[in-house]
Amino acid sequence: MRADRIGRVCDNVLIACETSLDNIMDHIREVEPEIVIVDSIQTIASDAIESSAGSVSQVRECSAQLLKYAKESGVPVILIGHINKEGSIAGPKVLEHIVDAVLQFEGDHHYMYRILRSIKNRFGSTSELGIYEMCQRGLREVTNPSEMLISRNAESEELSGSAVGITLEGMRPFLIEIQALVSTAAYGTPQRTVTGFDAKRMNMLLAVLEKRVGFKLAQKDVFLNIAGGLKVNDTALDLPVICAILSSNVDMAIPHGVCMAGEVGLSGEIRQVTRIEQRISEAEKLGMKTIIIPRHNLKGVDRERFSIHIEEVAKVEEAFRALFA
């Protein structure tokens, strides 16, 4: 039924509606497939174990037998496991310990983007990831996520409270739009609402703006949103976050074609970030005209190979002057 819904699969994909491990192994020996997908391992039970499907002993026994088959035959076996409300694999860690690699989908169910992240990999790096879009006919790979995560309509009216930052997900840099809204608090206690970013880190950045730069935000509501429904924790997004907040506070739009990356310290300084060359190359590839980065972050790097204008700043005030002077 699912295959009919998302489009008929090809003839060499065989589906067995079976929950007995012994019957599944009989099917595998008869067909000799090139790849085996078990959905899900918590519903499979072996006759050698008396406990019910999904128990620790059943998951351990079924996973071990499938692992033994994969090692002996060289056929890749993909086990799909349930996850709990927190997003981690349900039950004990026995399933994660048995397998060679753990891949996990992340993303808000209300948005169309999903990130396939490697949690464990015995034979390679865990810093690689894939980005997919949930379509009517299933998942579609997003080859260039930057173009989908930032607004590309340069002819539209420039609005305040929007900044473009460059984040790293694993080894992959991409541009992402950060939206902020600052308004006068309607009630006694100002609101701090964050989507896709660490709320405690945003409160720290607001304290830096008030203490070091002099902007009074204690009696104002602050709303922050990462466009696309992604959750990011890259410290290089500190600079675009505070620029988006300031842009909304003074109601001045950040010019088109400007992006930024930098970590903000408690004294208001802009600290260096990792993989700055990859970030600059990604911004240049997307047609950005100016990038704001921490001072001395490009020390020892040949600037001539970049055609984008590079603005270096050491303090938060310098970044504001570069944007709104």
Foldseek 3Di string as FASTA:
>chain_A
DLCVQLDPDDPLDDDDPDQELVVVVVVCVVPVDQAAEDPAQQSHAYPVDPDHRNDPVRSLVSLVVVLVVCVVSVRYYHHDADDDPVQHGDDDCSNVVSDQWDWGWDFDPVFFKIKTFTPHHNPDDRLDIWMWGQDSNGTDTDPACQVVQDDPCQVDDFWALKAWEWDGRRNDIHIHIKGKAKAAAPDDAAAQAEAQEDSVVVVLLVVLCCPQVNDDRRRIHMYMYTGRRHHDYFQQCSLRNVRSHVRNVVGHGFHPLEHETFHADNNQWTDADPPVVNRQVNSVVVPRQEYEGAPPNCPPHDPVVHPHHYHHDTGSVVVVVVGPD
